[in-house]
Amino acid sequence: MSGLAEHAGSGLAAELLLATIRLRARLRAEQTSLTSGQSMSQLSALGRLADVGPVTTTELAALEHVRQQSMAETVAALRVAGLVEAVPDVRDRRRMLLTITDSGRELVESVLRHRAAWLSEAIDSRLSSEETELLAAACPLIARLAEA
């Protein structure tokens, strides 16, 4: 055992950890032609904002399981790129709510389409029908772990 495997240990948790790290790296490689340098963290925050609608930076940080300061840096980069804007909360003018711009939404949709196409092809070409069924059954479980 060497590299990541050595540090992760053994067992189901270690196997899942390594698999998700490698899949994330592969998906990151697939998106590079679509983005103008946004990181996986930036794209994740942008996608979350597209899903949940207007939120504060603090709320977005909690949803993404990162520190508020880290999210503030992420949001700043997204704002500079014109993918996110901050607007005053109509109920409390002291609060600023983040909203995704049309450009941001187009980028999220494009990246998701591209990643889904690559992943669909990988599943079809690398997994048997039985393995595909197992993967389909595991997806809701993995999603629950991601939200833990």
N, C-alpha and C. Protein backbone atom coordinates (compact mmCIF):
# COMPACT_ATOMS: atom_id res chain seq x y z
N MET A 1 0.84 -1.18 0.00
CA MET A 1 0.00 0.00 0.00
C MET A 1 0.88 1.24 0.00
N SER A 2 0.50 2.22 -0.82
CA SER A 2 1.27 3.45 -0.85
C SER A 2 0.35 4.62 -1.12
N GLY A 3 0.87 5.83 -0.96
CA GLY A 3 0.12 7.03 -1.25
C GLY A 3 -1.13 7.17 -0.40
N LEU A 4 -2.23 7.52 -1.06
CA LEU A 4 -3.50 7.76 -0.36
C LEU A 4 -3.98 6.53 0.38
N ALA A 5 -3.86 5.36 -0.26
CA ALA A 5 -4.36 4.12 0.35
C ALA A 5 -3.69 3.86 1.70
N GLU A 6 -2.42 4.18 1.80
CA GLU A 6 -1.67 3.95 3.04
C GLU A 6 -2.25 4.80 4.18
N HIS A 7 -2.63 6.01 3.86
CA HIS A 7 -3.13 6.93 4.89
C HIS A 7 -4.61 6.72 5.20
N ALA A 8 -5.35 6.19 4.25
CA ALA A 8 -6.79 6.02 4.45
C ALA A 8 -7.13 4.81 5.30
N GLY A 9 -6.23 3.85 5.35
CA GLY A 9 -6.51 2.64 6.11
C GLY A 9 -7.21 1.61 5.26
N SER A 10 -7.97 0.75 5.91
CA SER A 10 -8.66 -0.30 5.17
C SER A 10 -10.14 -0.29 5.53
N GLY A 11 -10.91 -1.06 4.81
CA GLY A 11 -12.33 -1.16 5.09
C GLY A 11 -13.16 -0.36 4.12
N LEU A 12 -14.46 -0.47 4.29
CA LEU A 12 -15.41 0.17 3.39
C LEU A 12 -15.23 1.68 3.33
N ALA A 13 -15.07 2.32 4.48
CA ALA A 13 -14.93 3.78 4.51
C ALA A 13 -13.71 4.22 3.71
N ALA A 14 -12.59 3.52 3.86
CA ALA A 14 -11.38 3.87 3.13
C ALA A 14 -11.56 3.65 1.63
N GLU A 15 -12.20 2.55 1.25
CA GLU A 15 -12.44 2.28 -0.17
C GLU A 15 -13.34 3.35 -0.79
N LEU A 16 -14.40 3.72 -0.08
CA LEU A 16 -15.31 4.74 -0.58
C LEU A 16 -14.60 6.09 -0.68
N LEU A 17 -13.81 6.41 0.31
CA LEU A 17 -13.05 7.65 0.30
C LEU A 17 -12.14 7.73 -0.92
N LEU A 18 -11.36 6.70 -1.15
CA LEU A 18 -10.44 6.70 -2.29
C LEU A 18 -11.18 6.75 -3.62
N ALA A 19 -12.28 6.02 -3.71
CA ALA A 19 -13.05 6.03 -4.95
C ALA A 19 -13.63 7.41 -5.23
N THR A 20 -14.14 8.09 -4.20
CA THR A 20 -14.72 9.41 -4.43
C THR A 20 -13.64 10.44 -4.75
N ILE A 21 -12.49 10.32 -4.14
CA ILE A 21 -11.37 11.22 -4.47
C ILE A 21 -10.98 11.07 -5.93
N ARG A 22 -10.87 9.83 -6.38
CA ARG A 22 -10.47 9.58 -7.76
C ARG A 22 -11.55 9.98 -8.75
N LEU A 23 -12.80 9.73 -8.41
CA LEU A 23 -13.90 10.14 -9.29
C LEU A 23 -13.97 11.66 -9.39
N ARG A 24 -13.80 12.33 -8.28
CA ARG A 24 -13.81 13.79 -8.29
C ARG A 24 -12.69 14.33 -9.18
N ALA A 25 -11.50 13.74 -9.08
CA ALA A 25 -10.39 14.17 -9.93
C ALA A 25 -10.70 13.95 -11.40
N ARG A 26 -11.32 12.83 -11.70
CA ARG A 26 -11.67 12.52 -13.10
C ARG A 26 -12.72 13.49 -13.61
N LEU A 27 -13.72 13.81 -12.79
CA LEU A 27 -14.74 14.77 -13.20
C LEU A 27 -14.14 16.17 -13.37
N ARG A 28 -13.20 16.51 -12.52
CA ARG A 28 -12.52 17.81 -12.63
C ARG A 28 -11.79 17.89 -13.97
N ALA A 29 -11.14 16.80 -14.37
CA ALA A 29 -10.43 16.78 -15.65
C ALA A 29 -11.40 16.95 -16.81
N GLU A 30 -12.59 16.41 -16.68
CA GLU A 30 -13.60 16.50 -17.74
C GLU A 30 -14.14 17.91 -17.93
N GLN A 31 -14.12 18.73 -16.91
CA GLN A 31 -14.76 20.04 -17.00
C GLN A 31 -13.83 21.14 -17.47
N THR A 32 -12.54 20.89 -17.54
CA THR A 32 -11.60 21.98 -17.79
C THR A 32 -11.86 22.73 -19.09
N SER A 33 -12.39 22.05 -20.10
CA SER A 33 -12.64 22.74 -21.36
C SER A 33 -13.87 23.66 -21.29
N LEU A 34 -14.69 23.51 -20.26
CA LEU A 34 -15.94 24.26 -20.15
C LEU A 34 -15.85 25.50 -19.27
N THR A 35 -14.88 25.53 -18.39
CA THR A 35 -14.81 26.61 -17.42
C THR A 35 -13.69 27.58 -17.77
N SER A 36 -13.70 28.70 -17.10
CA SER A 36 -12.61 29.67 -17.27
C SER A 36 -11.76 29.68 -16.01
N GLY A 37 -11.47 28.48 -15.50
CA GLY A 37 -10.58 28.35 -14.37
C GLY A 37 -11.24 28.19 -13.02
N GLN A 38 -12.56 28.03 -12.98
CA GLN A 38 -13.22 27.86 -11.69
C GLN A 38 -12.80 26.53 -11.05
N SER A 39 -12.63 26.58 -9.75
CA SER A 39 -12.25 25.38 -8.99
C SER A 39 -13.48 24.52 -8.74
N MET A 40 -13.23 23.29 -8.30
CA MET A 40 -14.35 22.41 -7.94
C MET A 40 -15.17 23.05 -6.81
N SER A 41 -14.50 23.71 -5.87
CA SER A 41 -15.22 24.37 -4.77
C SER A 41 -16.12 25.48 -5.28
N GLN A 42 -15.62 26.25 -6.22
CA GLN A 42 -16.42 27.33 -6.79
C GLN A 42 -17.62 26.77 -7.56
N LEU A 43 -17.39 25.72 -8.34
CA LEU A 43 -18.49 25.12 -9.10
C LEU A 43 -19.51 24.46 -8.18
N SER A 44 -19.03 23.88 -7.09
CA SER A 44 -19.95 23.27 -6.13
C SER A 44 -20.83 24.33 -5.47
N ALA A 45 -20.22 25.43 -5.06
CA ALA A 45 -20.98 26.53 -4.45
C ALA A 45 -21.96 27.12 -5.45
N LEU A 46 -21.54 27.27 -6.68
CA LEU A 46 -22.41 27.80 -7.73
C LEU A 46 -23.59 26.86 -7.98
N GLY A 47 -23.32 25.58 -8.04
CA GLY A 47 -24.39 24.60 -8.22
C GLY A 47 -25.36 24.60 -7.05
N ARG A 48 -24.84 24.71 -5.85
CA ARG A 48 -25.69 24.75 -4.66
C ARG A 48 -26.57 25.99 -4.70
N LEU A 49 -25.99 27.11 -5.08
CA LEU A 49 -26.75 28.36 -5.17
C LEU A 49 -27.85 28.24 -6.23
N ALA A 50 -27.57 27.56 -7.32
CA ALA A 50 -28.59 27.32 -8.35
C ALA A 50 -29.72 26.47 -7.79
N ASP A 51 -29.39 25.53 -6.91
CA ASP A 51 -30.40 24.63 -6.33
C ASP A 51 -31.26 25.30 -5.27
N VAL A 52 -30.64 26.07 -4.38
CA VAL A 52 -31.36 26.57 -3.21
C VAL A 52 -31.87 28.00 -3.35
N GLY A 53 -31.36 28.73 -4.31
CA GLY A 53 -31.80 30.10 -4.47
C GLY A 53 -31.04 31.05 -3.57
N PRO A 54 -31.53 32.27 -3.43
CA PRO A 54 -30.81 33.30 -2.68
C PRO A 54 -30.54 32.91 -1.23
N VAL A 55 -29.27 33.01 -0.83
CA VAL A 55 -28.83 32.74 0.55
C VAL A 55 -27.69 33.68 0.88
N THR A 56 -27.39 33.79 2.16
CA THR A 56 -26.23 34.58 2.59
C THR A 56 -24.96 33.73 2.41
N THR A 57 -23.84 34.39 2.48
CA THR A 57 -22.56 33.68 2.40
C THR A 57 -22.44 32.67 3.54
N THR A 58 -22.87 33.06 4.73
CA THR A 58 -22.81 32.16 5.88
C THR A 58 -23.68 30.93 5.67
N GLU A 59 -24.88 31.13 5.14
CA GLU A 59 -25.77 30.00 4.87
C GLU A 59 -25.18 29.08 3.80
N LEU A 60 -24.60 29.66 2.77
CA LEU A 60 -23.98 28.86 1.71
C LEU A 60 -22.79 28.07 2.26
N ALA A 61 -22.02 28.68 3.13
CA ALA A 61 -20.90 27.98 3.76
C ALA A 61 -21.39 26.77 4.54
N ALA A 62 -22.46 26.93 5.29
CA ALA A 62 -23.01 25.81 6.06
C ALA A 62 -23.49 24.70 5.13
N LEU A 63 -24.15 25.06 4.05
CA LEU A 63 -24.65 24.06 3.11
C LEU A 63 -23.51 23.29 2.44
N GLU A 64 -22.40 23.98 2.23
CA GLU A 64 -21.24 23.36 1.57
C GLU A 64 -20.25 22.76 2.55
N HIS A 65 -20.52 22.86 3.84
CA HIS A 65 -19.66 22.29 4.88
C HIS A 65 -18.25 22.87 4.85
N VAL A 66 -18.17 24.20 4.70
CA VAL A 66 -16.87 24.89 4.73
C VAL A 66 -16.96 26.07 5.69
N ARG A 67 -15.81 26.62 6.04
CA ARG A 67 -15.78 27.79 6.91
C ARG A 67 -16.34 29.01 6.17
N GLN A 68 -16.92 29.92 6.91
CA GLN A 68 -17.49 31.13 6.32
C GLN A 68 -16.42 31.93 5.58
N GLN A 69 -15.22 32.00 6.14
CA GLN A 69 -14.14 32.75 5.50
C GLN A 69 -13.76 32.14 4.16
N SER A 70 -13.73 30.80 4.09
CA SER A 70 -13.42 30.13 2.83
C SER A 70 -14.50 30.41 1.79
N MET A 71 -15.75 30.38 2.23
CA MET A 71 -16.85 30.66 1.30
C MET A 71 -16.80 32.10 0.83
N ALA A 72 -16.43 33.01 1.70
CA ALA A 72 -16.33 34.42 1.30
C ALA A 72 -15.32 34.57 0.16
N GLU A 73 -14.21 33.87 0.24
CA GLU A 73 -13.21 33.91 -0.84
C GLU A 73 -13.77 33.30 -2.12
N THR A 74 -14.46 32.19 -1.98
CA THR A 74 -15.08 31.53 -3.14
C THR A 74 -16.08 32.46 -3.81
N VAL A 75 -16.94 33.06 -3.00
CA VAL A 75 -17.97 33.96 -3.53
C VAL A 75 -17.34 35.18 -4.19
N ALA A 76 -16.28 35.70 -3.61
CA ALA A 76 -15.61 36.86 -4.20
C ALA A 76 -15.13 36.54 -5.62
N ALA A 77 -14.54 35.38 -5.80
CA ALA A 77 -14.07 34.97 -7.13
C ALA A 77 -15.25 34.80 -8.09
N LEU A 78 -16.34 34.24 -7.62
CA LEU A 78 -17.52 34.05 -8.47
C LEU A 78 -18.15 35.39 -8.85
N ARG A 79 -18.10 36.33 -7.93
CA ARG A 79 -18.65 37.67 -8.24
C ARG A 79 -17.79 38.38 -9.27
N VAL A 80 -16.47 38.29 -9.13
CA VAL A 80 -15.57 38.90 -10.10
C VAL A 80 -15.80 38.32 -11.50
N ALA A 81 -16.07 37.02 -11.55
CA ALA A 81 -16.31 36.35 -12.83
C ALA A 81 -17.71 36.61 -13.39
N GLY A 82 -18.55 37.31 -12.62
CA GLY A 82 -19.90 37.62 -13.08
C GLY A 82 -20.86 36.45 -13.00
N LEU A 83 -20.56 35.46 -12.16
CA LEU A 83 -21.38 34.27 -12.03
C LEU A 83 -22.37 34.35 -10.87
N VAL A 84 -22.07 35.25 -9.93
CA VAL A 84 -22.89 35.45 -8.73
C VAL A 84 -22.99 36.95 -8.48
N GLU A 85 -24.13 37.36 -7.94
CA GLU A 85 -24.25 38.75 -7.51
C GLU A 85 -24.87 38.77 -6.12
N ALA A 86 -24.63 39.86 -5.41
CA ALA A 86 -25.19 40.04 -4.07
C ALA A 86 -26.24 41.13 -4.15
N VAL A 87 -27.41 40.84 -3.58
CA VAL A 87 -28.51 41.81 -3.58
C VAL A 87 -29.02 41.95 -2.15
N PRO A 88 -29.51 43.12 -1.79
CA PRO A 88 -30.05 43.30 -0.43
C PRO A 88 -31.28 42.44 -0.21
N ASP A 89 -31.39 41.89 0.97
CA ASP A 89 -32.56 41.11 1.38
C ASP A 89 -33.72 42.09 1.54
N VAL A 90 -34.85 41.82 0.88
CA VAL A 90 -35.99 42.75 0.96
C VAL A 90 -36.57 42.83 2.36
N ARG A 91 -36.40 41.77 3.17
CA ARG A 91 -36.94 41.77 4.54
C ARG A 91 -35.99 42.41 5.53
N ASP A 92 -34.69 42.39 5.21
CA ASP A 92 -33.69 42.95 6.12
C ASP A 92 -32.57 43.53 5.28
N ARG A 93 -32.64 44.80 5.01
CA ARG A 93 -31.70 45.48 4.10
C ARG A 93 -30.24 45.39 4.55
N ARG A 94 -30.01 45.00 5.79
CA ARG A 94 -28.62 44.85 6.26
C ARG A 94 -27.99 43.57 5.72
N ARG A 95 -28.82 42.60 5.37
CA ARG A 95 -28.32 41.31 4.87
C ARG A 95 -28.21 41.34 3.35
N MET A 96 -27.13 40.72 2.86
CA MET A 96 -26.93 40.59 1.43
C MET A 96 -27.16 39.12 1.05
N LEU A 97 -27.98 38.91 0.04
CA LEU A 97 -28.26 37.57 -0.45
C LEU A 97 -27.53 37.33 -1.76
N LEU A 98 -26.95 36.16 -1.87
CA LEU A 98 -26.25 35.77 -3.09
C LEU A 98 -27.25 35.16 -4.07
N THR A 99 -27.16 35.57 -5.31
CA THR A 99 -27.98 34.98 -6.36
C THR A 99 -27.08 34.61 -7.54
N ILE A 100 -27.47 33.58 -8.24
CA ILE A 100 -26.71 33.15 -9.40
C ILE A 100 -27.16 33.98 -10.60
N THR A 101 -26.21 34.39 -11.43
CA THR A 101 -26.54 35.14 -12.63
C THR A 101 -26.91 34.18 -13.76
N ASP A 102 -27.40 34.72 -14.85
CA ASP A 102 -27.70 33.88 -16.01
C ASP A 102 -26.44 33.17 -16.50
N SER A 103 -25.32 33.88 -16.50
CA SER A 103 -24.05 33.27 -16.92
C SER A 103 -23.66 32.14 -15.98
N GLY A 104 -23.87 32.34 -14.69
CA GLY A 104 -23.57 31.30 -13.71
C GLY A 104 -24.43 30.08 -13.91
N ARG A 105 -25.71 30.29 -14.16
CA ARG A 105 -26.64 29.17 -14.38
C ARG A 105 -26.26 28.41 -15.66
N GLU A 106 -25.91 29.14 -16.71
CA GLU A 106 -25.49 28.50 -17.96
C GLU A 106 -24.24 27.65 -17.74
N LEU A 107 -23.30 28.16 -16.96
CA LEU A 107 -22.08 27.40 -16.68
C LEU A 107 -22.39 26.13 -15.91
N VAL A 108 -23.20 26.24 -14.86
CA VAL A 108 -23.57 25.06 -14.06
C VAL A 108 -24.24 24.02 -14.95
N GLU A 109 -25.20 24.44 -15.75
CA GLU A 109 -25.91 23.50 -16.61
C GLU A 109 -24.98 22.84 -17.62
N SER A 110 -24.06 23.61 -18.19
CA SER A 110 -23.12 23.07 -19.16
C SER A 110 -22.18 22.05 -18.53
N VAL A 111 -21.64 22.38 -17.37
CA VAL A 111 -20.73 21.46 -16.67
C VAL A 111 -21.47 20.19 -16.28
N LEU A 112 -22.68 20.33 -15.74
CA LEU A 112 -23.45 19.15 -15.34
C LEU A 112 -23.76 18.25 -16.54
N ARG A 113 -24.17 18.86 -17.66
CA ARG A 113 -24.45 18.06 -18.87
C ARG A 113 -23.21 17.30 -19.32
N HIS A 114 -22.09 17.99 -19.34
CA HIS A 114 -20.83 17.39 -19.80
C HIS A 114 -20.38 16.27 -18.86
N ARG A 115 -20.43 16.52 -17.56
CA ARG A 115 -20.05 15.49 -16.59
C ARG A 115 -20.98 14.28 -16.68
N ALA A 116 -22.28 14.54 -16.79
CA ALA A 116 -23.25 13.43 -16.87
C ALA A 116 -23.03 12.60 -18.12
N ALA A 117 -22.71 13.24 -19.23
CA ALA A 117 -22.46 12.50 -20.47
C ALA A 117 -21.22 11.62 -20.32
N TRP A 118 -20.16 12.19 -19.73
CA TRP A 118 -18.95 11.39 -19.53
C TRP A 118 -19.23 10.22 -18.59
N LEU A 119 -19.90 10.49 -17.49
CA LEU A 119 -20.17 9.45 -16.50
C LEU A 119 -21.09 8.37 -17.07
N SER A 120 -22.07 8.77 -17.84
CA SER A 120 -22.97 7.81 -18.47
C SER A 120 -22.20 6.88 -19.41
N GLU A 121 -21.31 7.47 -20.19
CA GLU A 121 -20.48 6.66 -21.10
C GLU A 121 -19.57 5.72 -20.32
N ALA A 122 -18.99 6.22 -19.23
CA ALA A 122 -18.11 5.38 -18.41
C ALA A 122 -18.89 4.22 -17.79
N ILE A 123 -20.08 4.49 -17.31
CA ILE A 123 -20.91 3.44 -16.72
C ILE A 123 -21.26 2.40 -17.78
N ASP A 124 -21.72 2.87 -18.94
CA ASP A 124 -22.12 1.96 -20.01
C ASP A 124 -20.97 1.11 -20.53
N SER A 125 -19.78 1.70 -20.58
CA SER A 125 -18.65 0.97 -21.17
C SER A 125 -17.83 0.16 -20.17
N ARG A 126 -17.93 0.46 -18.89
CA ARG A 126 -17.09 -0.21 -17.90
C ARG A 126 -17.81 -1.13 -16.93
N LEU A 127 -19.13 -0.99 -16.81
CA LEU A 127 -19.86 -1.78 -15.83
C LEU A 127 -20.83 -2.75 -16.52
N SER A 128 -20.98 -3.90 -15.91
CA SER A 128 -21.98 -4.85 -16.39
C SER A 128 -23.36 -4.35 -15.99
N SER A 129 -24.40 -4.97 -16.52
CA SER A 129 -25.76 -4.55 -16.15
C SER A 129 -26.01 -4.79 -14.66
N GLU A 130 -25.45 -5.87 -14.10
CA GLU A 130 -25.61 -6.12 -12.67
C GLU A 130 -24.89 -5.06 -11.84
N GLU A 131 -23.69 -4.67 -12.28
CA GLU A 131 -22.95 -3.63 -11.56
C GLU A 131 -23.68 -2.29 -11.66
N THR A 132 -24.27 -2.02 -12.80
CA THR A 132 -25.03 -0.78 -12.98
C THR A 132 -26.22 -0.75 -12.03
N GLU A 133 -26.89 -1.87 -11.85
CA GLU A 133 -28.01 -1.94 -10.91
C GLU A 133 -27.53 -1.71 -9.47
N LEU A 134 -26.39 -2.30 -9.12
CA LEU A 134 -25.83 -2.08 -7.78
C LEU A 134 -25.49 -0.61 -7.56
N LEU A 135 -24.90 0.00 -8.57
CA LEU A 135 -24.55 1.42 -8.48
C LEU A 135 -25.80 2.27 -8.32
N ALA A 136 -26.84 1.96 -9.07
CA ALA A 136 -28.10 2.70 -8.96
C ALA A 136 -28.68 2.57 -7.56
N ALA A 137 -28.59 1.39 -6.98
CA ALA A 137 -29.10 1.19 -5.62
C ALA A 137 -28.26 1.94 -4.59
N ALA A 138 -26.97 2.11 -4.87
CA ALA A 138 -26.07 2.78 -3.92
C ALA A 138 -26.18 4.30 -3.97
N CYS A 139 -26.65 4.87 -5.08
CA CYS A 139 -26.68 6.32 -5.24
C CYS A 139 -27.43 7.05 -4.11
N PRO A 140 -28.64 6.61 -3.74
CA PRO A 140 -29.32 7.32 -2.64
C PRO A 140 -28.55 7.23 -1.32
N LEU A 141 -27.86 6.14 -1.11
CA LEU A 141 -27.08 5.98 0.12
C LEU A 141 -25.88 6.93 0.12
N ILE A 142 -25.22 7.03 -1.01
CA ILE A 142 -24.07 7.94 -1.14
C ILE A 142 -24.54 9.38 -0.96
N ALA A 143 -25.69 9.71 -1.54
CA ALA A 143 -26.24 11.07 -1.39
C ALA A 143 -26.53 11.38 0.08
N ARG A 144 -27.06 10.39 0.82
CA ARG A 144 -27.32 10.61 2.25
C ARG A 144 -26.02 10.85 3.02
N LEU A 145 -24.99 10.10 2.66
CA LEU A 145 -23.69 10.31 3.31
C LEU A 145 -23.15 11.70 3.01
N ALA A 146 -23.35 12.16 1.80
CA ALA A 146 -22.86 13.49 1.41
C ALA A 146 -23.53 14.60 2.21
N GLU A 147 -24.76 14.36 2.64
CA GLU A 147 -25.49 15.37 3.40
C GLU A 147 -25.35 15.19 4.91
N ALA A 148 -24.58 14.18 5.34
CA ALA A 148 -24.43 13.90 6.79
C ALA A 148 -23.68 15.00 7.49
